[in-house]
Amino acid sequence: MKFQFKISKLTVFIIGSLVLSISFVGAQQGRKAASAPAARASKVLRLQKFSGLKNGNLVKTPEYKTNVNRGITPAKYWYRLAISYDTAPDWIDEITVRYYAMSLTKVDGAKAYTIFKTSVRYVDIEAGSKHLSVAYLHPKAIDRYGNLVAVAVEILVSGTVVAEDSAVKGKGIPKDWWKNATVTESQSVTVKDGYLRSKADTPFAFINVDDYEFAK
């Protein structure tokens, strides 16, 4: 009986060791699998800078010289979201940049958040540094729905997010707010379309055209 007990104990030890080994290997493989897309992405595209939440992002509607009488309304302020990024391959067929912004105001004394979003699709991106992309939030969005408290950007290549960044102001807003269900599905949050626009859909369309990739 004593000999059988020792064998049984040894067997338990061996089985336990095997389970731990398998778990460790599986975890290592899981981490490698999770990090592989990020590693590949960093070799394709790298987000250099995101404008975030700064007072300098407010820009006036541009004025053009024409023979049309000057308007009577002073120039309004748009909120500018901008990024710069580097690419490594000789050419990338297509990338998509998704912009998100969230404002805060009060309705009947209660906090009310509004989310704005848009996507810009670029094609034929040649290898290089400091590629630029930009989107603008319409002045009416700021006037009616309040100042921005959170912004975010995602860059996709072949439908996969390869880079992202965000900025938040104040407490209680998570860093991943634009994809966090506690924010996006909250009863105090409303989504508004058409306010956040690509450069081509704003009065800024013809400014420094050659600094930007071809948008479709």
N, C-alpha and C. Protein backbone atom coordinates (compact mmCIF):
# COMPACT_ATOMS: atom_id res chain seq x y z
N MET A 1 0.83 -1.21 0.00
CA MET A 1 0.00 0.00 0.00
C MET A 1 0.86 1.24 0.00
N LYS A 2 1.93 1.26 0.74
CA LYS A 2 2.81 2.41 0.81
C LYS A 2 3.44 2.69 -0.54
N PHE A 3 3.85 1.62 -1.25
CA PHE A 3 4.46 1.76 -2.57
C PHE A 3 3.44 2.33 -3.57
N GLN A 4 2.20 1.84 -3.49
CA GLN A 4 1.15 2.32 -4.38
C GLN A 4 0.86 3.79 -4.15
N PHE A 5 0.89 4.24 -2.94
CA PHE A 5 0.65 5.65 -2.62
C PHE A 5 1.71 6.54 -3.25
N LYS A 6 2.98 6.10 -3.19
CA LYS A 6 4.06 6.88 -3.78
C LYS A 6 3.90 6.99 -5.30
N ILE A 7 3.50 5.85 -5.92
CA ILE A 7 3.29 5.86 -7.37
C ILE A 7 2.18 6.83 -7.74
N SER A 8 1.12 6.79 -6.97
CA SER A 8 -0.03 7.65 -7.23
C SER A 8 0.36 9.12 -7.09
N LYS A 9 1.14 9.43 -6.10
CA LYS A 9 1.57 10.81 -5.87
C LYS A 9 2.48 11.28 -7.01
N LEU A 10 3.36 10.40 -7.45
CA LEU A 10 4.26 10.73 -8.54
C LEU A 10 3.48 10.96 -9.83
N THR A 11 2.47 10.12 -10.03
CA THR A 11 1.63 10.26 -11.23
C THR A 11 0.93 11.61 -11.26
N VAL A 12 0.39 12.01 -10.10
CA VAL A 12 -0.28 13.31 -9.99
C VAL A 12 0.68 14.43 -10.31
N PHE A 13 1.91 14.32 -9.80
CA PHE A 13 2.92 15.36 -10.05
C PHE A 13 3.23 15.48 -11.54
N ILE A 14 3.39 14.32 -12.20
CA ILE A 14 3.72 14.32 -13.63
C ILE A 14 2.58 14.92 -14.45
N ILE A 15 1.36 14.51 -14.14
CA ILE A 15 0.19 15.04 -14.87
C ILE A 15 0.08 16.55 -14.66
N GLY A 16 0.26 17.00 -13.43
CA GLY A 16 0.19 18.44 -13.14
C GLY A 16 1.23 19.22 -13.91
N SER A 17 2.45 18.65 -13.99
CA SER A 17 3.53 19.32 -14.71
C SER A 17 3.20 19.44 -16.19
N LEU A 18 2.61 18.37 -16.75
CA LEU A 18 2.24 18.40 -18.16
C LEU A 18 1.18 19.44 -18.43
N VAL A 19 0.18 19.54 -17.55
CA VAL A 19 -0.88 20.54 -17.72
C VAL A 19 -0.32 21.94 -17.69
N LEU A 20 0.58 22.20 -16.73
CA LEU A 20 1.20 23.52 -16.64
C LEU A 20 2.00 23.85 -17.88
N SER A 21 2.72 22.87 -18.39
CA SER A 21 3.55 23.07 -19.57
C SER A 21 2.70 23.40 -20.78
N ILE A 22 1.61 22.62 -20.94
CA ILE A 22 0.71 22.86 -22.07
C ILE A 22 0.07 24.24 -21.97
N SER A 23 -0.35 24.62 -20.76
CA SER A 23 -0.96 25.94 -20.55
C SER A 23 0.02 27.05 -20.89
N PHE A 24 1.27 26.89 -20.45
CA PHE A 24 2.29 27.91 -20.69
C PHE A 24 2.56 28.07 -22.19
N VAL A 25 2.70 26.94 -22.88
CA VAL A 25 2.94 26.98 -24.32
C VAL A 25 1.77 27.62 -25.05
N GLY A 26 0.55 27.24 -24.62
CA GLY A 26 -0.64 27.83 -25.25
C GLY A 26 -0.70 29.32 -25.05
N ALA A 27 -0.37 29.76 -23.82
CA ALA A 27 -0.38 31.21 -23.54
C ALA A 27 0.65 31.93 -24.38
N GLN A 28 1.84 31.32 -24.49
CA GLN A 28 2.90 31.92 -25.30
C GLN A 28 2.48 32.03 -26.76
N GLN A 29 1.87 30.96 -27.28
CA GLN A 29 1.42 30.99 -28.66
C GLN A 29 0.31 32.02 -28.86
N GLY A 30 -0.57 32.14 -27.85
CA GLY A 30 -1.63 33.14 -27.92
C GLY A 30 -1.09 34.55 -27.98
N ARG A 31 -0.05 34.79 -27.15
CA ARG A 31 0.55 36.12 -27.15
C ARG A 31 1.24 36.39 -28.48
N LYS A 32 1.90 35.37 -29.03
CA LYS A 32 2.56 35.54 -30.31
C LYS A 32 1.54 35.82 -31.40
N ALA A 33 0.42 35.09 -31.36
CA ALA A 33 -0.62 35.29 -32.37
C ALA A 33 -1.23 36.66 -32.26
N ALA A 34 -1.40 37.14 -31.03
CA ALA A 34 -2.00 38.46 -30.83
C ALA A 34 -1.06 39.58 -31.25
N SER A 35 0.24 39.37 -31.00
CA SER A 35 1.20 40.43 -31.31
C SER A 35 1.63 40.43 -32.76
N ALA A 36 1.41 39.32 -33.46
CA ALA A 36 1.85 39.22 -34.85
C ALA A 36 1.21 40.27 -35.76
N PRO A 37 -0.13 40.45 -35.73
CA PRO A 37 -0.71 41.48 -36.58
C PRO A 37 -0.16 42.87 -36.27
N ALA A 38 0.03 43.18 -34.99
CA ALA A 38 0.57 44.49 -34.61
C ALA A 38 1.98 44.66 -35.14
N ALA A 39 2.77 43.58 -35.06
CA ALA A 39 4.14 43.66 -35.57
C ALA A 39 4.16 43.87 -37.07
N ARG A 40 3.27 43.13 -37.78
CA ARG A 40 3.20 43.31 -39.22
C ARG A 40 2.72 44.71 -39.57
N ALA A 41 1.75 45.21 -38.80
CA ALA A 41 1.20 46.53 -39.06
C ALA A 41 2.26 47.61 -38.91
N SER A 42 3.11 47.48 -37.89
CA SER A 42 4.13 48.50 -37.65
C SER A 42 5.14 48.57 -38.78
N LYS A 43 5.28 47.45 -39.53
CA LYS A 43 6.19 47.43 -40.66
C LYS A 43 5.54 48.03 -41.91
N VAL A 44 4.22 48.16 -41.89
CA VAL A 44 3.50 48.70 -43.04
C VAL A 44 3.20 50.18 -42.86
N LEU A 45 2.67 50.54 -41.70
CA LEU A 45 2.22 51.91 -41.45
C LEU A 45 2.42 52.26 -39.98
N ARG A 46 2.85 53.49 -39.73
CA ARG A 46 3.03 53.95 -38.36
C ARG A 46 2.40 55.33 -38.20
N LEU A 47 1.52 55.47 -37.21
CA LEU A 47 0.90 56.75 -36.90
C LEU A 47 1.91 57.62 -36.17
N GLN A 48 2.24 58.76 -36.74
CA GLN A 48 3.25 59.63 -36.15
C GLN A 48 2.64 60.63 -35.17
N LYS A 49 1.54 61.27 -35.58
CA LYS A 49 1.00 62.35 -34.75
C LYS A 49 -0.50 62.45 -34.95
N PHE A 50 -1.20 62.70 -33.84
CA PHE A 50 -2.65 62.95 -33.86
C PHE A 50 -2.89 64.26 -33.15
N SER A 51 -3.66 65.14 -33.77
CA SER A 51 -3.84 66.50 -33.24
C SER A 51 -4.52 66.53 -31.88
N GLY A 52 -5.40 65.54 -31.61
CA GLY A 52 -6.00 65.45 -30.29
C GLY A 52 -6.93 66.60 -29.94
N LEU A 53 -6.93 66.97 -28.67
CA LEU A 53 -7.80 68.04 -28.16
C LEU A 53 -6.96 69.26 -27.81
N LYS A 54 -6.91 70.21 -28.73
CA LYS A 54 -6.13 71.42 -28.50
C LYS A 54 -6.91 72.63 -29.02
N ASN A 55 -6.72 73.78 -28.37
CA ASN A 55 -7.40 74.99 -28.81
C ASN A 55 -6.99 75.37 -30.23
N GLY A 56 -5.76 75.03 -30.60
CA GLY A 56 -5.27 75.37 -31.93
C GLY A 56 -5.96 74.61 -33.05
N ASN A 57 -6.78 73.63 -32.70
CA ASN A 57 -7.49 72.88 -33.73
C ASN A 57 -8.72 73.62 -34.25
N LEU A 58 -9.09 74.72 -33.64
CA LEU A 58 -10.20 75.53 -34.13
C LEU A 58 -9.68 76.44 -35.25
N VAL A 59 -10.23 76.28 -36.44
CA VAL A 59 -9.77 77.06 -37.59
C VAL A 59 -10.96 77.74 -38.27
N LYS A 60 -10.73 78.97 -38.74
CA LYS A 60 -11.80 79.73 -39.38
C LYS A 60 -12.08 79.24 -40.79
N THR A 61 -13.32 79.40 -41.21
CA THR A 61 -13.67 79.13 -42.60
C THR A 61 -12.78 79.94 -43.52
N PRO A 62 -12.13 79.32 -44.50
CA PRO A 62 -11.25 80.08 -45.39
C PRO A 62 -12.03 81.05 -46.27
N GLU A 63 -11.38 82.13 -46.65
CA GLU A 63 -11.99 83.12 -47.53
C GLU A 63 -11.27 83.12 -48.87
N TYR A 64 -12.04 83.15 -49.95
CA TYR A 64 -11.48 83.15 -51.30
C TYR A 64 -11.66 84.53 -51.93
N LYS A 65 -10.69 84.92 -52.73
CA LYS A 65 -10.78 86.20 -53.42
C LYS A 65 -11.62 86.03 -54.69
N THR A 66 -12.75 86.71 -54.74
CA THR A 66 -13.64 86.67 -55.90
C THR A 66 -14.22 88.06 -56.11
N ASN A 67 -15.02 88.20 -57.16
CA ASN A 67 -15.70 89.48 -57.38
C ASN A 67 -17.11 89.48 -56.78
N VAL A 68 -17.39 88.41 -56.00
CA VAL A 68 -18.67 88.34 -55.28
C VAL A 68 -18.56 89.20 -54.03
N ASN A 69 -19.64 89.93 -53.72
CA ASN A 69 -19.64 90.79 -52.53
C ASN A 69 -19.36 89.96 -51.27
N ARG A 70 -18.62 90.54 -50.37
CA ARG A 70 -18.27 89.87 -49.13
C ARG A 70 -19.52 89.59 -48.31
N GLY A 71 -19.59 88.42 -47.69
CA GLY A 71 -20.75 88.07 -46.89
C GLY A 71 -20.85 88.92 -45.63
N ILE A 72 -22.02 88.93 -45.04
CA ILE A 72 -22.24 89.75 -43.85
C ILE A 72 -21.98 88.99 -42.56
N THR A 73 -21.87 87.66 -42.66
CA THR A 73 -21.66 86.83 -41.47
C THR A 73 -20.16 86.61 -41.25
N PRO A 74 -19.68 86.87 -40.04
CA PRO A 74 -18.24 86.62 -39.75
C PRO A 74 -17.90 85.15 -39.95
N ALA A 75 -16.64 84.89 -40.26
CA ALA A 75 -16.18 83.51 -40.48
C ALA A 75 -16.40 82.67 -39.22
N LYS A 76 -16.89 81.46 -39.41
CA LYS A 76 -17.14 80.53 -38.31
C LYS A 76 -15.89 79.69 -38.03
N TYR A 77 -15.91 79.00 -36.87
CA TYR A 77 -14.80 78.13 -36.50
C TYR A 77 -15.18 76.66 -36.67
N TRP A 78 -14.33 75.93 -37.38
CA TRP A 78 -14.44 74.49 -37.53
C TRP A 78 -13.43 73.84 -36.60
N TYR A 79 -13.73 72.61 -36.16
CA TYR A 79 -12.74 71.86 -35.37
C TYR A 79 -12.01 70.92 -36.30
N ARG A 80 -10.68 71.01 -36.30
CA ARG A 80 -9.84 70.26 -37.23
C ARG A 80 -9.21 69.06 -36.53
N LEU A 81 -9.44 67.86 -37.06
CA LEU A 81 -8.79 66.64 -36.59
C LEU A 81 -7.78 66.22 -37.65
N ALA A 82 -6.52 66.06 -37.27
CA ALA A 82 -5.48 65.79 -38.25
C ALA A 82 -4.50 64.75 -37.74
N ILE A 83 -3.93 64.00 -38.70
CA ILE A 83 -2.90 63.03 -38.37
C ILE A 83 -1.77 63.12 -39.38
N SER A 84 -0.62 62.61 -38.99
CA SER A 84 0.47 62.36 -39.93
C SER A 84 0.93 60.92 -39.70
N TYR A 85 1.35 60.27 -40.77
CA TYR A 85 1.72 58.86 -40.66
C TYR A 85 2.79 58.51 -41.69
N ASP A 86 3.53 57.43 -41.40
CA ASP A 86 4.57 56.94 -42.29
C ASP A 86 4.13 55.61 -42.89
N THR A 87 4.57 55.34 -44.12
CA THR A 87 4.32 54.04 -44.74
C THR A 87 5.62 53.47 -45.27
N ALA A 88 5.74 52.13 -45.23
CA ALA A 88 6.98 51.46 -45.63
C ALA A 88 6.94 50.81 -47.01
N PRO A 89 5.86 50.10 -47.38
CA PRO A 89 5.85 49.44 -48.69
C PRO A 89 5.97 50.46 -49.82
N ASP A 90 6.46 50.00 -50.98
CA ASP A 90 6.57 50.90 -52.13
C ASP A 90 5.24 51.58 -52.42
N TRP A 91 4.18 50.77 -52.39
CA TRP A 91 2.83 51.30 -52.57
C TRP A 91 1.85 50.54 -51.69
N ILE A 92 0.89 51.27 -51.15
CA ILE A 92 -0.27 50.64 -50.49
C ILE A 92 -1.48 50.98 -51.34
N ASP A 93 -2.23 49.96 -51.73
CA ASP A 93 -3.37 50.20 -52.62
C ASP A 93 -4.41 51.13 -52.00
N GLU A 94 -4.70 50.90 -50.72
CA GLU A 94 -5.78 51.68 -50.11
C GLU A 94 -5.67 51.67 -48.59
N ILE A 95 -5.95 52.80 -47.99
CA ILE A 95 -6.10 52.88 -46.53
C ILE A 95 -7.38 53.66 -46.23
N THR A 96 -7.93 53.39 -45.07
CA THR A 96 -9.11 54.12 -44.61
C THR A 96 -8.79 54.74 -43.25
N VAL A 97 -9.10 56.00 -43.12
CA VAL A 97 -8.91 56.69 -41.84
C VAL A 97 -10.30 57.00 -41.27
N ARG A 98 -10.55 56.51 -40.07
CA ARG A 98 -11.82 56.76 -39.39
C ARG A 98 -11.61 57.78 -38.28
N TYR A 99 -12.41 58.81 -38.30
CA TYR A 99 -12.34 59.85 -37.28
C TYR A 99 -13.59 59.81 -36.40
N TYR A 100 -13.38 60.05 -35.10
CA TYR A 100 -14.47 60.07 -34.13
C TYR A 100 -14.31 61.29 -33.22
N ALA A 101 -15.43 61.89 -32.85
CA ALA A 101 -15.40 63.02 -31.92
C ALA A 101 -16.65 62.96 -31.04
N MET A 102 -16.51 63.37 -29.79
CA MET A 102 -17.65 63.38 -28.88
C MET A 102 -17.70 64.71 -28.12
N SER A 103 -18.87 65.33 -28.13
CA SER A 103 -19.06 66.61 -27.45
C SER A 103 -19.95 66.44 -26.23
N LEU A 104 -19.95 67.47 -25.40
CA LEU A 104 -20.74 67.45 -24.17
C LEU A 104 -21.47 68.77 -24.00
N THR A 105 -22.76 68.67 -23.72
CA THR A 105 -23.55 69.84 -23.37
C THR A 105 -24.56 69.42 -22.30
N LYS A 106 -25.43 70.31 -21.91
CA LYS A 106 -26.46 69.97 -20.93
C LYS A 106 -27.84 70.24 -21.51
N VAL A 107 -28.73 69.28 -21.32
CA VAL A 107 -30.11 69.41 -21.75
C VAL A 107 -31.01 69.23 -20.53
N ASP A 108 -31.74 70.27 -20.19
CA ASP A 108 -32.59 70.25 -18.99
C ASP A 108 -31.79 69.90 -17.74
N GLY A 109 -30.56 70.39 -17.70
CA GLY A 109 -29.71 70.19 -16.52
C GLY A 109 -28.96 68.88 -16.49
N ALA A 110 -29.22 68.00 -17.46
CA ALA A 110 -28.54 66.70 -17.50
C ALA A 110 -27.48 66.69 -18.59
N LYS A 111 -26.39 65.94 -18.36
CA LYS A 111 -25.33 65.83 -19.35
C LYS A 111 -25.83 65.09 -20.58
N ALA A 112 -25.48 65.63 -21.75
CA ALA A 112 -25.86 65.01 -23.01
C ALA A 112 -24.63 64.97 -23.91
N TYR A 113 -24.26 63.76 -24.33
CA TYR A 113 -23.09 63.57 -25.19
C TYR A 113 -23.55 63.31 -26.63
N THR A 114 -22.76 63.80 -27.57
CA THR A 114 -23.04 63.56 -28.99
C THR A 114 -21.79 63.05 -29.67
N ILE A 115 -21.93 61.95 -30.42
CA ILE A 115 -20.81 61.37 -31.14
C ILE A 115 -20.93 61.69 -32.63
N PHE A 116 -19.83 62.13 -33.21
CA PHE A 116 -19.74 62.41 -34.63
C PHE A 116 -18.66 61.50 -35.22
N LYS A 117 -18.86 61.04 -36.45
CA LYS A 117 -17.83 60.18 -37.05
C LYS A 117 -17.87 60.28 -38.57
N THR A 118 -16.73 59.99 -39.17
CA THR A 118 -16.64 59.94 -40.62
C THR A 118 -15.45 59.07 -41.02
N SER A 119 -15.43 58.63 -42.27
CA SER A 119 -14.33 57.83 -42.81
C SER A 119 -13.81 58.48 -44.08
N VAL A 120 -12.48 58.44 -44.25
CA VAL A 120 -11.86 58.96 -45.47
C VAL A 120 -11.03 57.83 -46.08
N ARG A 121 -11.26 57.55 -47.35
CA ARG A 121 -10.56 56.46 -48.04
C ARG A 121 -9.54 57.03 -49.00
N TYR A 122 -8.28 56.62 -48.83
CA TYR A 122 -7.20 57.07 -49.71
C TYR A 122 -6.68 55.90 -50.53
N VAL A 123 -6.23 56.19 -51.75
CA VAL A 123 -5.69 55.13 -52.62
C VAL A 123 -4.31 55.53 -53.12
N ASP A 124 -3.53 54.50 -53.52
CA ASP A 124 -2.21 54.68 -54.12
C ASP A 124 -1.28 55.51 -53.23
N ILE A 125 -1.02 54.97 -52.04
CA ILE A 125 -0.15 55.66 -51.09
C ILE A 125 1.28 55.17 -51.28
N GLU A 126 2.15 56.06 -51.69
CA GLU A 126 3.54 55.72 -51.94
C GLU A 126 4.34 55.72 -50.65
N ALA A 127 5.40 54.91 -50.59
CA ALA A 127 6.23 54.84 -49.39
C ALA A 127 6.76 56.23 -49.04
N GLY A 128 6.75 56.54 -47.75
CA GLY A 128 7.27 57.84 -47.34
C GLY A 128 6.83 58.20 -45.94
N SER A 129 7.30 59.35 -45.49
CA SER A 129 6.98 59.81 -44.14
C SER A 129 6.10 61.05 -44.19
N LYS A 130 5.42 61.28 -43.08
CA LYS A 130 4.59 62.46 -42.89
C LYS A 130 3.48 62.62 -43.92
N HIS A 131 2.85 61.48 -44.25
CA HIS A 131 1.60 61.58 -45.01
C HIS A 131 0.57 62.27 -44.12
N LEU A 132 -0.36 62.99 -44.72
CA LEU A 132 -1.32 63.76 -43.94
C LEU A 132 -2.76 63.33 -44.24
N SER A 133 -3.59 63.44 -43.23
CA SER A 133 -5.03 63.24 -43.37
C SER A 133 -5.73 64.18 -42.41
N VAL A 134 -6.93 64.60 -42.77
CA VAL A 134 -7.63 65.57 -41.94
C VAL A 134 -9.14 65.44 -42.11
N ALA A 135 -9.88 65.79 -41.07
CA ALA A 135 -11.34 65.87 -41.12
C ALA A 135 -11.76 67.09 -40.31
N TYR A 136 -12.94 67.63 -40.61
CA TYR A 136 -13.39 68.85 -39.95
C TYR A 136 -14.79 68.69 -39.38
N LEU A 137 -14.98 69.21 -38.17
CA LEU A 137 -16.29 69.21 -37.53
C LEU A 137 -16.97 70.55 -37.80
N HIS A 138 -18.18 70.48 -38.34
CA HIS A 138 -18.92 71.68 -38.75
C HIS A 138 -19.17 72.61 -37.56
N PRO A 139 -19.10 73.94 -37.78
CA PRO A 139 -19.33 74.90 -36.68
C PRO A 139 -20.65 74.72 -35.96
N LYS A 140 -21.70 74.31 -36.69
CA LYS A 140 -23.00 74.13 -36.05
C LYS A 140 -22.97 73.03 -34.99
N ALA A 141 -22.12 72.04 -35.19
CA ALA A 141 -22.00 70.97 -34.19
C ALA A 141 -21.49 71.52 -32.88
N ILE A 142 -20.52 72.41 -32.96
CA ILE A 142 -19.94 73.01 -31.75
C ILE A 142 -20.95 73.95 -31.10
N ASP A 143 -21.62 74.76 -31.93
CA ASP A 143 -22.58 75.73 -31.41
C ASP A 143 -23.73 75.06 -30.66
N ARG A 144 -24.24 73.97 -31.22
CA ARG A 144 -25.43 73.35 -30.64
C ARG A 144 -25.13 72.27 -29.62
N TYR A 145 -24.10 71.43 -29.91
CA TYR A 145 -23.88 70.24 -29.10
C TYR A 145 -22.71 70.33 -28.13
N GLY A 146 -22.07 71.51 -28.08
CA GLY A 146 -21.05 71.72 -27.05
C GLY A 146 -19.63 71.43 -27.50
N ASN A 147 -18.70 71.72 -26.62
CA ASN A 147 -17.28 71.52 -26.91
C ASN A 147 -16.92 70.03 -26.86
N LEU A 148 -15.85 69.69 -27.56
CA LEU A 148 -15.42 68.31 -27.61
C LEU A 148 -14.74 67.89 -26.31
N VAL A 149 -15.05 66.67 -25.88
CA VAL A 149 -14.43 66.11 -24.68
C VAL A 149 -13.65 64.83 -25.00
N ALA A 150 -13.78 64.34 -26.24
CA ALA A 150 -13.06 63.13 -26.63
C ALA A 150 -12.94 63.08 -28.15
N VAL A 151 -11.79 62.62 -28.63
CA VAL A 151 -11.58 62.41 -30.06
C VAL A 151 -10.79 61.12 -30.24
N ALA A 152 -10.88 60.54 -31.43
CA ALA A 152 -10.14 59.30 -31.71
C ALA A 152 -9.95 59.15 -33.21
N VAL A 153 -8.97 58.32 -33.56
CA VAL A 153 -8.70 58.03 -34.97
C VAL A 153 -8.27 56.57 -35.10
N GLU A 154 -8.67 55.94 -36.19
CA GLU A 154 -8.24 54.59 -36.55
C GLU A 154 -7.76 54.62 -38.00
N ILE A 155 -6.68 53.87 -38.28
CA ILE A 155 -6.23 53.70 -39.66
C ILE A 155 -6.33 52.22 -40.01
N LEU A 156 -6.97 51.94 -41.14
CA LEU A 156 -7.17 50.56 -41.57
C LEU A 156 -6.46 50.31 -42.89
N VAL A 157 -5.81 49.15 -42.98
CA VAL A 157 -5.22 48.67 -44.22
C VAL A 157 -5.83 47.29 -44.49
N SER A 158 -6.40 47.12 -45.67
CA SER A 158 -7.07 45.86 -46.03
C SER A 158 -8.13 45.47 -45.00
N GLY A 159 -8.82 46.46 -44.47
CA GLY A 159 -9.91 46.22 -43.53
C GLY A 159 -9.49 45.94 -42.10
N THR A 160 -8.19 45.98 -41.82
CA THR A 160 -7.69 45.71 -40.47
C THR A 160 -7.13 46.98 -39.85
N VAL A 161 -7.49 47.25 -38.60
CA VAL A 161 -6.97 48.42 -37.90
C VAL A 161 -5.49 48.19 -37.61
N VAL A 162 -4.64 49.06 -38.15
CA VAL A 162 -3.20 48.93 -37.96
C VAL A 162 -2.63 50.02 -37.05
N ALA A 163 -3.42 51.05 -36.78
CA ALA A 163 -2.96 52.12 -35.88
C ALA A 163 -4.18 52.87 -35.35
N GLU A 164 -4.07 53.35 -34.12
CA GLU A 164 -5.16 54.12 -33.52
C GLU A 164 -4.62 55.01 -32.43
N ASP A 165 -5.38 56.05 -32.11
CA ASP A 165 -5.00 56.94 -31.01
C ASP A 165 -6.25 57.68 -30.56
N SER A 166 -6.20 58.23 -29.36
CA SER A 166 -7.35 58.96 -28.84
C SER A 166 -6.89 59.98 -27.81
N ALA A 167 -7.78 60.88 -27.48
CA ALA A 167 -7.54 61.87 -26.44
C ALA A 167 -8.87 62.16 -25.75
N VAL A 168 -8.84 62.30 -24.43
CA VAL A 168 -10.06 62.59 -23.67
C VAL A 168 -9.79 63.75 -22.72
N LYS A 169 -10.86 64.44 -22.37
CA LYS A 169 -10.77 65.57 -21.46
C LYS A 169 -11.72 65.34 -20.30
N GLY A 170 -11.21 65.46 -19.08
CA GLY A 170 -12.05 65.24 -17.92
C GLY A 170 -12.02 63.80 -17.45
N LYS A 171 -12.72 63.54 -16.35
CA LYS A 171 -12.72 62.22 -15.74
C LYS A 171 -13.93 61.40 -16.22
N GLY A 172 -13.77 60.09 -16.16
CA GLY A 172 -14.89 59.20 -16.42
C GLY A 172 -15.03 58.73 -17.85
N ILE A 173 -14.23 59.27 -18.79
CA ILE A 173 -14.31 58.84 -20.18
C ILE A 173 -13.14 57.90 -20.45
N PRO A 174 -13.40 56.64 -20.79
CA PRO A 174 -12.30 55.70 -21.03
C PRO A 174 -11.49 56.05 -22.27
N LYS A 175 -10.25 55.62 -22.29
CA LYS A 175 -9.36 55.91 -23.40
C LYS A 175 -9.88 55.33 -24.70
N ASP A 176 -10.54 54.17 -24.63
CA ASP A 176 -11.09 53.53 -25.84
C ASP A 176 -12.57 53.85 -26.01
N TRP A 177 -12.96 55.05 -25.70
CA TRP A 177 -14.36 55.44 -25.61
C TRP A 177 -15.17 55.15 -26.87
N TRP A 178 -14.61 55.33 -28.05
CA TRP A 178 -15.37 55.20 -29.30
C TRP A 178 -15.75 53.76 -29.63
N LYS A 179 -15.11 52.78 -28.96
CA LYS A 179 -15.45 51.37 -29.17
C LYS A 179 -15.83 50.69 -27.86
N ASN A 180 -16.14 51.48 -26.86
CA ASN A 180 -16.50 50.98 -25.54
C ASN A 180 -18.02 51.06 -25.38
N ALA A 181 -18.66 49.92 -25.18
CA ALA A 181 -20.12 49.85 -25.12
C ALA A 181 -20.70 50.69 -23.99
N THR A 182 -19.95 50.86 -22.89
CA THR A 182 -20.46 51.67 -21.79
C THR A 182 -20.65 53.12 -22.20
N VAL A 183 -19.93 53.53 -23.24
CA VAL A 183 -20.08 54.89 -23.78
C VAL A 183 -21.05 54.91 -24.94
N THR A 184 -20.78 54.11 -25.96
CA THR A 184 -21.55 54.18 -27.20
C THR A 184 -23.01 53.75 -27.04
N GLU A 185 -23.29 52.90 -26.04
CA GLU A 185 -24.66 52.44 -25.84
C GLU A 185 -25.35 53.13 -24.66
N SER A 186 -24.72 54.15 -24.14
CA SER A 186 -25.31 54.89 -23.02
C SER A 186 -26.53 55.69 -23.49
N GLN A 187 -27.53 55.81 -22.63
CA GLN A 187 -28.73 56.57 -22.95
C GLN A 187 -28.46 58.06 -23.07
N SER A 188 -27.34 58.51 -22.52
CA SER A 188 -27.01 59.93 -22.58
C SER A 188 -26.23 60.29 -23.84
N VAL A 189 -26.01 59.30 -24.72
CA VAL A 189 -25.21 59.51 -25.93
C VAL A 189 -26.09 59.41 -27.18
N THR A 190 -25.92 60.39 -28.08
CA THR A 190 -26.61 60.39 -29.37
C THR A 190 -25.57 60.47 -30.49
N VAL A 191 -25.82 59.76 -31.58
CA VAL A 191 -24.92 59.80 -32.74
C VAL A 191 -25.53 60.68 -33.81
N LYS A 192 -24.74 61.62 -34.32
CA LYS A 192 -25.19 62.54 -35.37
C LYS A 192 -24.32 62.37 -36.61
N ASP A 193 -24.95 62.17 -37.75
CA ASP A 193 -24.23 62.01 -39.00
C ASP A 193 -24.14 63.34 -39.75
N GLY A 194 -23.11 63.46 -40.57
CA GLY A 194 -23.00 64.60 -41.47
C GLY A 194 -22.27 65.82 -40.93
N TYR A 195 -21.96 65.84 -39.65
CA TYR A 195 -21.29 67.01 -39.07
C TYR A 195 -19.76 66.91 -39.17
N LEU A 196 -19.24 65.71 -39.01
CA LEU A 196 -17.79 65.50 -39.15
C LEU A 196 -17.54 65.10 -40.60
N ARG A 197 -16.72 65.90 -41.29
CA ARG A 197 -16.60 65.75 -42.74
C ARG A 197 -15.16 65.60 -43.21
N SER A 198 -15.01 64.91 -44.33
CA SER A 198 -13.69 64.83 -44.96
C SER A 198 -13.33 66.20 -45.52
N LYS A 199 -12.07 66.41 -45.77
CA LYS A 199 -11.58 67.69 -46.31
C LYS A 199 -12.31 68.07 -47.60
N ALA A 200 -12.56 67.07 -48.46
CA ALA A 200 -13.19 67.33 -49.75
C ALA A 200 -14.61 67.87 -49.62
N ASP A 201 -15.24 67.64 -48.47
CA ASP A 201 -16.63 68.08 -48.26
C ASP A 201 -16.72 69.35 -47.43
N THR A 202 -15.64 70.13 -47.43
CA THR A 202 -15.61 71.38 -46.65
C THR A 202 -15.02 72.50 -47.50
N PRO A 203 -15.09 73.74 -47.01
CA PRO A 203 -14.47 74.86 -47.73
C PRO A 203 -12.94 74.77 -47.78
N PHE A 204 -12.36 73.81 -47.03
CA PHE A 204 -10.91 73.64 -47.01
C PHE A 204 -10.41 72.73 -48.14
N ALA A 205 -11.31 72.28 -49.00
CA ALA A 205 -11.00 71.26 -50.01
C ALA A 205 -9.82 71.62 -50.89
N PHE A 206 -9.66 72.89 -51.24
CA PHE A 206 -8.63 73.28 -52.21
C PHE A 206 -7.37 73.86 -51.58
N ILE A 207 -7.25 73.72 -50.27
CA ILE A 207 -6.07 74.25 -49.58
C ILE A 207 -5.00 73.16 -49.48
N ASN A 208 -3.80 73.48 -49.97
CA ASN A 208 -2.65 72.56 -49.91
C ASN A 208 -3.01 71.17 -50.43
N VAL A 209 -3.63 71.12 -51.58
CA VAL A 209 -4.13 69.87 -52.15
C VAL A 209 -3.04 68.80 -52.26
N ASP A 210 -1.86 69.19 -52.69
CA ASP A 210 -0.79 68.22 -52.94
C ASP A 210 -0.17 67.64 -51.67
N ASP A 211 -0.55 68.17 -50.53
CA ASP A 211 -0.03 67.63 -49.26
C ASP A 211 -0.78 66.37 -48.84
N TYR A 212 -1.85 66.07 -49.52
CA TYR A 212 -2.71 64.96 -49.10
C TYR A 212 -2.80 63.89 -50.19
N GLU A 213 -3.04 62.66 -49.75
CA GLU A 213 -3.20 61.56 -50.68
C GLU A 213 -4.52 61.70 -51.45
N PHE A 214 -4.63 60.95 -52.53
CA PHE A 214 -5.83 60.98 -53.36
C PHE A 214 -6.97 60.29 -52.64
N ALA A 215 -8.01 61.05 -52.33
CA ALA A 215 -9.16 60.51 -51.59
C ALA A 215 -10.27 60.14 -52.57
N LYS A 216 -10.90 58.97 -52.30
CA LYS A 216 -12.00 58.52 -53.16
C LYS A 216 -13.28 58.36 -52.34
